[in-house]
Amino acid sequence: KKKGAKKGAKVETKKDAFNKLNDDEKNDLVGLEIELVQAEIEQLKKAGDKDIDDIRTLMEEVDMRIAETKKDTYEFKRDIIIGAENPRTGKILGEKMIRFMEEKFMEEKLRQKDTP
């Protein structure tokens, strides 16, 4: 036995309650539900548009970083791999390598300082 339930008592379901309403009440109820669903759809659209904008911004930042990395790679090859090579021994001059790395480190440090 369930506690609190009387023997033979009928529990009214949502369907029964809806069927007891007159046509105008049903129409009002359905209209409210439509408005709620439309408001939820609009909210989801706005959230989706914001997510798309955020992803586009991130993609632009990634593209900029890729371009910077390509530029740095080119400069490294030009200045260190080719430019700092001792023509007689074929070895890389350590001072040029250290100077190059220090400059890149300082550039990155300044960039991080400028970024909020």
C-alpha atoms as a PDB file:
ATOM      1  CA  LYS A   1       0.000   0.000   0.000  1.00  0.00           C
ATOM      2  CA  LYS A   2       1.111   3.535  -0.747  1.00  0.00           C
ATOM      3  CA  LYS A   3       1.018   5.901   2.160  1.00  0.00           C
ATOM      4  CA  GLY A   4      -1.310   8.881   1.832  1.00  0.00           C
ATOM      5  CA  ALA A   5      -3.317   7.437  -1.063  1.00  0.00           C
ATOM      6  CA  LYS A   6      -6.922   6.492  -0.446  1.00  0.00           C
ATOM      7  CA  LYS A   7      -8.197   3.260  -1.827  1.00  0.00           C
ATOM      8  CA  GLY A   8     -10.066   3.918  -5.047  1.00  0.00           C
ATOM      9  CA  ALA A   9      -8.886   7.560  -5.347  1.00  0.00           C
ATOM     10  CA  LYS A  10      -8.282   8.600  -8.948  1.00  0.00           C
ATOM     11  CA  VAL A  11      -5.147  10.611  -9.726  1.00  0.00           C
ATOM     12  CA  GLU A  12      -5.791  13.251 -12.377  1.00  0.00           C
ATOM     13  CA  THR A  13      -3.208  13.163 -15.162  1.00  0.00           C
ATOM     14  CA  LYS A  14      -2.026  16.129 -17.221  1.00  0.00           C
ATOM     15  CA  LYS A  15      -3.944  14.749 -20.176  1.00  0.00           C
ATOM     16  CA  ASP A  16      -7.155  14.582 -18.114  1.00  0.00           C
ATOM     17  CA  ALA A  17      -6.609  18.133 -16.871  1.00  0.00           C
ATOM     18  CA  PHE A  18      -5.993  19.366 -20.428  1.00  0.00           C
ATOM     19  CA  ASN A  19      -9.116  17.643 -21.709  1.00  0.00           C
ATOM     20  CA  LYS A  20     -11.224  19.392 -19.048  1.00  0.00           C
ATOM     21  CA  LEU A  21     -10.235  22.820 -20.393  1.00  0.00           C
ATOM     22  CA  ASN A  22     -12.484  24.624 -22.864  1.00  0.00           C
ATOM     23  CA  ASP A  23     -11.188  25.496 -26.348  1.00  0.00           C
ATOM     24  CA  ASP A  24     -10.175  29.076 -25.466  1.00  0.00           C
ATOM     25  CA  GLU A  25      -8.163  27.883 -22.447  1.00  0.00           C
ATOM     26  CA  LYS A  26      -6.483  25.205 -24.553  1.00  0.00           C
ATOM     27  CA  ASN A  27      -5.682  27.797 -27.218  1.00  0.00           C
ATOM     28  CA  ASP A  28      -4.159  30.154 -24.615  1.00  0.00           C
ATOM     29  CA  LEU A  29      -2.114  27.343 -23.098  1.00  0.00           C
ATOM     30  CA  VAL A  30      -0.783  26.213 -26.484  1.00  0.00           C
ATOM     31  CA  GLY A  31      -0.005  29.833 -27.413  1.00  0.00           C
ATOM     32  CA  LEU A  32       2.026  30.277 -24.231  1.00  0.00           C
ATOM     33  CA  GLU A  33       3.928  27.080 -24.899  1.00  0.00           C
ATOM     34  CA  ILE A  34       4.720  28.240 -28.452  1.00  0.00           C
ATOM     35  CA  GLU A  35       6.044  31.569 -27.123  1.00  0.00           C
ATOM     36  CA  LEU A  36       8.246  29.764 -24.601  1.00  0.00           C
ATOM     37  CA  VAL A  37       9.668  27.443 -27.251  1.00  0.00           C
ATOM     38  CA  GLN A  38      10.308  30.361 -29.638  1.00  0.00           C
ATOM     39  CA  ALA A  39      12.075  32.309 -26.870  1.00  0.00           C
ATOM     40  CA  GLU A  40      14.241  29.278 -26.107  1.00  0.00           C
ATOM     41  CA  ILE A  41      15.082  28.842 -29.799  1.00  0.00           C
ATOM     42  CA  GLU A  42      16.062  32.527 -30.048  1.00  0.00           C
ATOM     43  CA  GLN A  43      18.263  32.221 -26.968  1.00  0.00           C
ATOM     44  CA  LEU A  44      19.977  29.139 -28.419  1.00  0.00           C
ATOM     45  CA  LYS A  45      20.547  30.969 -31.726  1.00  0.00           C
ATOM     46  CA  LYS A  46      22.185  33.903 -29.920  1.00  0.00           C
ATOM     47  CA  ALA A  47      24.386  31.551 -27.902  1.00  0.00           C
ATOM     48  CA  GLY A  48      25.351  29.686 -31.079  1.00  0.00           C
ATOM     49  CA  ASP A  49      26.199  32.946 -32.881  1.00  0.00           C
ATOM     50  CA  LYS A  50      28.401  34.006 -29.950  1.00  0.00           C
ATOM     51  CA  ASP A  51      30.164  30.636 -30.011  1.00  0.00           C
ATOM     52  CA  ILE A  52      30.771  31.007 -33.763  1.00  0.00           C
ATOM     53  CA  ASP A  53      32.233  34.499 -33.254  1.00  0.00           C
ATOM     54  CA  ASP A  54      34.496  33.208 -30.464  1.00  0.00           C
ATOM     55  CA  ILE A  55      35.732  30.357 -32.659  1.00  0.00           C
ATOM     56  CA  ARG A  56      36.396  32.738 -35.580  1.00  0.00           C
ATOM     57  CA  THR A  57      38.415  34.992 -33.272  1.00  0.00           C
ATOM     58  CA  LEU A  58      40.443  32.025 -32.051  1.00  0.00           C
ATOM     59  CA  MET A  59      41.042  30.885 -35.632  1.00  0.00           C
ATOM     60  CA  GLU A  60      42.317  34.355 -36.566  1.00  0.00           C
ATOM     61  CA  GLU A  61      44.691  34.294 -33.590  1.00  0.00           C
ATOM     62  CA  VAL A  62      45.935  30.834 -34.586  1.00  0.00           C
ATOM     63  CA  ASP A  63      46.472  31.994 -38.184  1.00  0.00           C
ATOM     64  CA  MET A  64      48.497  34.965 -36.907  1.00  0.00           C
ATOM     65  CA  ARG A  65      50.618  32.675 -34.726  1.00  0.00           C
ATOM     66  CA  ILE A  66      51.203  30.331 -37.674  1.00  0.00           C
ATOM     67  CA  ALA A  67      52.361  33.268 -39.814  1.00  0.00           C
ATOM     68  CA  GLU A  68      54.668  34.455 -37.005  1.00  0.00           C
ATOM     69  CA  THR A  69      56.099  30.953 -36.624  1.00  0.00           C
ATOM     70  CA  LYS A  70      56.748  30.676 -40.369  1.00  0.00           C
ATOM     71  CA  LYS A  71      58.472  34.074 -40.311  1.00  0.00           C
ATOM     72  CA  ASP A  72      60.576  33.068 -37.282  1.00  0.00           C
ATOM     73  CA  THR A  73      61.522  29.797 -38.976  1.00  0.00           C
ATOM     74  CA  TYR A  74      62.605  31.651 -42.113  1.00  0.00           C
ATOM     75  CA  GLU A  75      64.637  34.152 -40.062  1.00  0.00           C
ATOM     76  CA  PHE A  76      66.236  31.357 -38.053  1.00  0.00           C
ATOM     77  CA  LYS A  77      67.299  29.515 -41.182  1.00  0.00           C
ATOM     78  CA  ARG A  78      68.569  32.737 -42.777  1.00  0.00           C
ATOM     79  CA  ASP A  79      70.383  34.129 -39.719  1.00  0.00           C
ATOM     80  CA  ILE A  80      71.572  31.004 -37.927  1.00  0.00           C
ATOM     81  CA  ILE A  81      71.592  27.934 -40.141  1.00  0.00           C
ATOM     82  CA  ILE A  82      73.045  29.774 -43.146  1.00  0.00           C
ATOM     83  CA  GLY A  83      74.293  33.151 -41.848  1.00  0.00           C
ATOM     84  CA  ALA A  84      76.062  32.011 -38.686  1.00  0.00           C
ATOM     85  CA  GLU A  85      77.859  29.094 -40.267  1.00  0.00           C
ATOM     86  CA  ASN A  86      81.627  29.307 -40.277  1.00  0.00           C
ATOM     87  CA  PRO A  87      82.550  28.809 -43.933  1.00  0.00           C
ATOM     88  CA  ARG A  88      85.809  27.077 -43.061  1.00  0.00           C
ATOM     89  CA  THR A  89      84.553  24.600 -40.426  1.00  0.00           C
ATOM     90  CA  GLY A  90      80.820  24.429 -41.265  1.00  0.00           C
ATOM     91  CA  LYS A  91      79.929  24.917 -37.577  1.00  0.00           C
ATOM     92  CA  ILE A  92      77.358  27.399 -36.248  1.00  0.00           C
ATOM     93  CA  LEU A  93      78.801  30.370 -34.372  1.00  0.00           C
ATOM     94  CA  GLY A  94      77.498  30.175 -30.820  1.00  0.00           C
ATOM     95  CA  GLU A  95      77.360  33.933 -30.199  1.00  0.00           C
ATOM     96  CA  LYS A  96      74.965  34.524 -33.087  1.00  0.00           C
ATOM     97  CA  MET A  97      72.774  31.648 -31.935  1.00  0.00           C
ATOM     98  CA  ILE A  98      72.618  33.012 -28.371  1.00  0.00           C
ATOM     99  CA  ARG A  99      71.889  36.564 -29.564  1.00  0.00           C
ATOM    100  CA  PHE A 100      69.110  35.319 -31.849  1.00  0.00           C
ATOM    101  CA  MET A 101      67.483  33.298 -29.063  1.00  0.00           C
ATOM    102  CA  GLU A 102      67.739  36.209 -26.585  1.00  0.00           C
ATOM    103  CA  GLU A 103      66.043  38.563 -29.080  1.00  0.00           C
ATOM    104  CA  LYS A 104      63.197  36.095 -29.658  1.00  0.00           C
ATOM    105  CA  PHE A 105      62.817  35.590 -25.910  1.00  0.00           C
ATOM    106  CA  MET A 106      62.537  39.360 -25.323  1.00  0.00           C
ATOM    107  CA  GLU A 107      60.024  39.742 -28.168  1.00  0.00           C
ATOM    108  CA  GLU A 108      57.854  37.001 -26.648  1.00  0.00           C
ATOM    109  CA  LYS A 109      58.150  38.554 -23.201  1.00  0.00           C
ATOM    110  CA  LEU A 110      57.001  41.949 -24.552  1.00  0.00           C
ATOM    111  CA  ARG A 111      54.126  40.336 -26.437  1.00  0.00           C
ATOM    112  CA  GLN A 112      52.918  38.605 -23.275  1.00  0.00           C
ATOM    113  CA  LYS A 113      53.156  41.884 -21.365  1.00  0.00           C
ATOM    114  CA  ASP A 114      50.955  43.628 -23.963  1.00  0.00           C
ATOM    115  CA  THR A 115      48.346  40.842 -23.946  1.00  0.00           C
ATOM    116  CA  PRO A 116      45.738  41.296 -21.187  1.00  0.00           C
END
